[in-house]
Amino acid sequence: MSLFRQTSTRNSRAKRHDFFIKERDLAIALELEWQVFDQLIEPMFQAAESIGNLKESQDFIYHDRRQQIRLFYQEGALAIAAL
């Protein structure tokens, strides 16, 4: 299930819509088994400066950091889908 959130910036009157999708929902949308999805994306978090690296606050945020549950922004979801 994806979530939409409407936010406004302090310096601008323009409003921005952010797209979030839970990683389990992204795996389902990409028709991948959870273990395959996890193996696919894990190297994207390990590589420090490689192409395809996912960055917190830019590509995803943690919904629950202790359980490593991530919510992906549109950019992060598209980077994963491109693999």
N, C-alpha and C. Protein backbone atom coordinates (compact mmCIF):
# COMPACT_ATOMS: atom_id res chain seq x y z
N MET A 1 0.84 -1.18 0.00
CA MET A 1 0.00 0.00 0.00
C MET A 1 0.88 1.23 0.00
N SER A 2 0.65 2.11 -0.91
CA SER A 2 1.43 3.33 -0.96
C SER A 2 0.74 4.42 -0.16
N LEU A 3 1.52 5.36 0.28
CA LEU A 3 1.01 6.47 1.07
C LEU A 3 1.35 7.77 0.39
N PHE A 4 0.46 8.71 0.45
CA PHE A 4 0.72 10.03 -0.09
C PHE A 4 0.66 11.01 1.06
N ARG A 5 1.60 11.94 1.07
CA ARG A 5 1.64 12.94 2.12
C ARG A 5 1.85 14.29 1.47
N GLN A 6 1.08 15.26 1.86
CA GLN A 6 1.21 16.60 1.31
C GLN A 6 1.94 17.45 2.33
N THR A 7 3.04 18.06 1.90
CA THR A 7 3.81 18.91 2.79
C THR A 7 4.06 20.25 2.12
N SER A 8 4.36 21.22 2.91
CA SER A 8 4.74 22.51 2.35
C SER A 8 6.08 22.90 2.95
N THR A 9 6.87 23.62 2.19
CA THR A 9 8.17 24.07 2.68
C THR A 9 8.03 25.45 3.26
N ARG A 10 8.90 25.77 4.20
CA ARG A 10 8.82 27.08 4.85
C ARG A 10 9.22 28.21 3.91
N ASN A 11 10.17 27.93 3.03
CA ASN A 11 10.69 28.98 2.15
C ASN A 11 9.87 29.15 0.88
N SER A 12 8.92 28.27 0.66
CA SER A 12 8.17 28.31 -0.58
C SER A 12 6.70 28.07 -0.29
N ARG A 13 5.87 28.69 -1.08
CA ARG A 13 4.44 28.46 -0.92
C ARG A 13 3.99 27.23 -1.70
N ALA A 14 4.86 26.73 -2.55
CA ALA A 14 4.53 25.55 -3.35
C ALA A 14 4.43 24.32 -2.45
N LYS A 15 3.48 23.48 -2.73
CA LYS A 15 3.30 22.26 -1.96
C LYS A 15 3.88 21.09 -2.73
N ARG A 16 4.36 20.10 -2.00
CA ARG A 16 4.99 18.95 -2.60
C ARG A 16 4.27 17.69 -2.15
N HIS A 17 4.06 16.75 -3.06
CA HIS A 17 3.46 15.47 -2.72
C HIS A 17 4.55 14.42 -2.73
N ASP A 18 4.72 13.74 -1.62
CA ASP A 18 5.70 12.68 -1.52
C ASP A 18 5.01 11.34 -1.65
N PHE A 19 5.63 10.45 -2.35
CA PHE A 19 5.14 9.10 -2.54
C PHE A 19 5.97 8.17 -1.67
N PHE A 20 5.32 7.33 -0.88
CA PHE A 20 5.99 6.33 -0.07
C PHE A 20 5.39 4.97 -0.38
N ILE A 21 6.24 3.93 -0.37
CA ILE A 21 5.75 2.57 -0.49
C ILE A 21 6.59 1.70 0.43
N LYS A 22 5.94 0.85 1.21
CA LYS A 22 6.65 -0.07 2.10
C LYS A 22 7.39 -1.08 1.25
N GLU A 23 8.55 -1.53 1.77
CA GLU A 23 9.37 -2.43 0.96
C GLU A 23 8.66 -3.75 0.68
N ARG A 24 7.85 -4.27 1.58
CA ARG A 24 7.10 -5.50 1.30
C ARG A 24 6.09 -5.28 0.18
N ASP A 25 5.46 -4.12 0.18
CA ASP A 25 4.51 -3.79 -0.89
C ASP A 25 5.22 -3.59 -2.22
N LEU A 26 6.43 -3.05 -2.17
CA LEU A 26 7.22 -2.89 -3.39
C LEU A 26 7.61 -4.26 -3.95
N ALA A 27 7.97 -5.18 -3.08
CA ALA A 27 8.31 -6.54 -3.53
C ALA A 27 7.10 -7.19 -4.21
N ILE A 28 5.92 -7.00 -3.64
CA ILE A 28 4.70 -7.55 -4.24
C ILE A 28 4.43 -6.90 -5.59
N ALA A 29 4.60 -5.58 -5.66
CA ALA A 29 4.35 -4.86 -6.91
C ALA A 29 5.32 -5.32 -8.01
N LEU A 30 6.54 -5.66 -7.62
CA LEU A 30 7.53 -6.13 -8.59
C LEU A 30 7.45 -7.64 -8.82
N GLU A 31 6.47 -8.27 -8.16
CA GLU A 31 6.23 -9.71 -8.29
C GLU A 31 7.46 -10.53 -7.94
N LEU A 32 8.10 -10.16 -6.81
CA LEU A 32 9.28 -10.86 -6.32
C LEU A 32 8.99 -11.48 -4.96
N GLU A 33 9.51 -12.68 -4.74
CA GLU A 33 9.45 -13.29 -3.41
C GLU A 33 10.24 -12.39 -2.46
N TRP A 34 9.84 -12.36 -1.18
CA TRP A 34 10.48 -11.47 -0.22
C TRP A 34 11.98 -11.73 -0.13
N GLN A 35 12.40 -13.00 -0.08
CA GLN A 35 13.82 -13.32 0.05
C GLN A 35 14.61 -12.85 -1.18
N VAL A 36 14.05 -13.00 -2.36
CA VAL A 36 14.70 -12.56 -3.60
C VAL A 36 14.81 -11.04 -3.60
N PHE A 37 13.75 -10.37 -3.22
CA PHE A 37 13.75 -8.90 -3.15
C PHE A 37 14.81 -8.42 -2.17
N ASP A 38 14.86 -9.03 -1.00
CA ASP A 38 15.83 -8.65 0.03
C ASP A 38 17.26 -8.85 -0.47
N GLN A 39 17.53 -9.97 -1.14
CA GLN A 39 18.87 -10.22 -1.68
C GLN A 39 19.20 -9.22 -2.79
N LEU A 40 18.21 -8.79 -3.52
CA LEU A 40 18.42 -7.84 -4.61
C LEU A 40 18.80 -6.45 -4.09
N ILE A 41 18.11 -5.98 -3.05
CA ILE A 41 18.34 -4.61 -2.59
C ILE A 41 19.43 -4.48 -1.53
N GLU A 42 19.76 -5.54 -0.83
CA GLU A 42 20.74 -5.43 0.25
C GLU A 42 22.08 -4.85 -0.21
N PRO A 43 22.62 -5.27 -1.36
CA PRO A 43 23.88 -4.65 -1.81
C PRO A 43 23.76 -3.15 -2.07
N MET A 44 22.57 -2.66 -2.33
CA MET A 44 22.37 -1.23 -2.59
C MET A 44 22.54 -0.41 -1.31
N PHE A 45 22.42 -1.06 -0.15
CA PHE A 45 22.63 -0.37 1.12
C PHE A 45 24.07 -0.52 1.60
N GLN A 46 24.77 -1.55 1.13
CA GLN A 46 26.13 -1.83 1.58
C GLN A 46 27.17 -0.99 0.86
N ALA A 47 26.97 -0.75 -0.42
CA ALA A 47 27.96 -0.03 -1.23
C ALA A 47 27.96 1.45 -0.86
N ALA A 48 29.11 1.94 -0.48
CA ALA A 48 29.20 3.31 0.01
C ALA A 48 28.98 4.36 -1.08
N GLU A 49 29.71 4.28 -2.15
CA GLU A 49 29.63 5.31 -3.19
C GLU A 49 29.35 4.75 -4.57
N SER A 50 28.82 3.56 -4.63
CA SER A 50 28.61 2.94 -5.94
C SER A 50 27.35 3.49 -6.61
N ILE A 51 27.26 3.29 -7.90
CA ILE A 51 26.06 3.67 -8.64
C ILE A 51 24.94 2.75 -8.19
N GLY A 52 23.79 3.29 -7.96
CA GLY A 52 22.66 2.49 -7.51
C GLY A 52 22.56 2.42 -6.00
N ASN A 53 23.40 3.17 -5.32
CA ASN A 53 23.36 3.19 -3.86
C ASN A 53 22.10 3.91 -3.38
N LEU A 54 21.40 3.33 -2.42
CA LEU A 54 20.22 3.96 -1.84
C LEU A 54 20.61 4.73 -0.59
N LYS A 55 20.18 5.98 -0.52
CA LYS A 55 20.55 6.85 0.59
C LYS A 55 19.31 7.18 1.43
N GLU A 56 19.50 7.07 2.75
CA GLU A 56 18.42 7.43 3.67
C GLU A 56 18.09 8.90 3.51
N SER A 57 16.84 9.24 3.63
CA SER A 57 16.27 10.59 3.50
C SER A 57 16.21 11.06 2.05
N GLN A 58 16.94 10.42 1.17
CA GLN A 58 16.86 10.78 -0.25
C GLN A 58 16.03 9.75 -1.01
N ASP A 59 16.27 8.47 -0.77
CA ASP A 59 15.58 7.39 -1.46
C ASP A 59 14.59 6.63 -0.58
N PHE A 60 14.80 6.70 0.73
CA PHE A 60 13.93 5.99 1.66
C PHE A 60 14.03 6.61 3.05
N ILE A 61 13.06 6.28 3.88
CA ILE A 61 13.11 6.59 5.31
C ILE A 61 12.78 5.32 6.07
N TYR A 62 13.15 5.28 7.33
CA TYR A 62 12.82 4.12 8.15
C TYR A 62 11.45 4.32 8.79
N HIS A 63 10.57 3.35 8.58
CA HIS A 63 9.28 3.32 9.27
C HIS A 63 9.51 2.78 10.68
N ASP A 64 10.38 1.79 10.80
CA ASP A 64 10.77 1.21 12.08
C ASP A 64 12.23 0.80 11.96
N ARG A 65 13.11 1.60 12.55
CA ARG A 65 14.55 1.37 12.40
C ARG A 65 14.99 0.06 13.05
N ARG A 66 14.42 -0.30 14.20
CA ARG A 66 14.82 -1.53 14.88
C ARG A 66 14.52 -2.77 14.05
N GLN A 67 13.40 -2.77 13.36
CA GLN A 67 13.02 -3.92 12.55
C GLN A 67 13.44 -3.75 11.09
N GLN A 68 14.14 -2.66 10.79
CA GLN A 68 14.62 -2.37 9.44
C GLN A 68 13.49 -2.34 8.41
N ILE A 69 12.38 -1.73 8.78
CA ILE A 69 11.25 -1.56 7.85
C ILE A 69 11.40 -0.19 7.21
N ARG A 70 11.53 -0.20 5.89
CA ARG A 70 11.77 1.04 5.15
C ARG A 70 10.56 1.42 4.31
N LEU A 71 10.39 2.73 4.15
CA LEU A 71 9.42 3.29 3.23
C LEU A 71 10.23 3.97 2.13
N PHE A 72 9.98 3.57 0.89
CA PHE A 72 10.75 4.12 -0.23
C PHE A 72 10.01 5.29 -0.86
N TYR A 73 10.79 6.34 -1.16
CA TYR A 73 10.30 7.43 -1.98
C TYR A 73 10.22 6.92 -3.42
N GLN A 74 9.61 7.69 -4.28
CA GLN A 74 9.49 7.32 -5.68
C GLN A 74 10.86 7.05 -6.30
N GLU A 75 11.85 7.88 -5.99
CA GLU A 75 13.19 7.72 -6.57
C GLU A 75 13.80 6.38 -6.18
N GLY A 76 13.67 6.00 -4.92
CA GLY A 76 14.21 4.73 -4.46
C GLY A 76 13.50 3.55 -5.08
N ALA A 77 12.18 3.64 -5.17
CA ALA A 77 11.39 2.56 -5.78
C ALA A 77 11.76 2.40 -7.25
N LEU A 78 11.97 3.50 -7.95
CA LEU A 78 12.35 3.42 -9.37
C LEU A 78 13.74 2.85 -9.54
N ALA A 79 14.67 3.18 -8.62
CA ALA A 79 16.03 2.63 -8.69
C ALA A 79 16.00 1.12 -8.51
N ILE A 80 15.16 0.63 -7.61
CA ILE A 80 15.04 -0.81 -7.38
C ILE A 80 14.39 -1.48 -8.58
N ALA A 81 13.34 -0.85 -9.10
CA ALA A 81 12.64 -1.44 -10.26
C ALA A 81 13.54 -1.51 -11.49
N ALA A 82 14.53 -0.64 -11.58
CA ALA A 82 15.42 -0.63 -12.73
C ALA A 82 16.45 -1.75 -12.70
N LEU A 83 16.60 -2.43 -11.57
CA LEU A 83 17.60 -3.52 -11.48
C LEU A 83 17.19 -4.72 -12.30
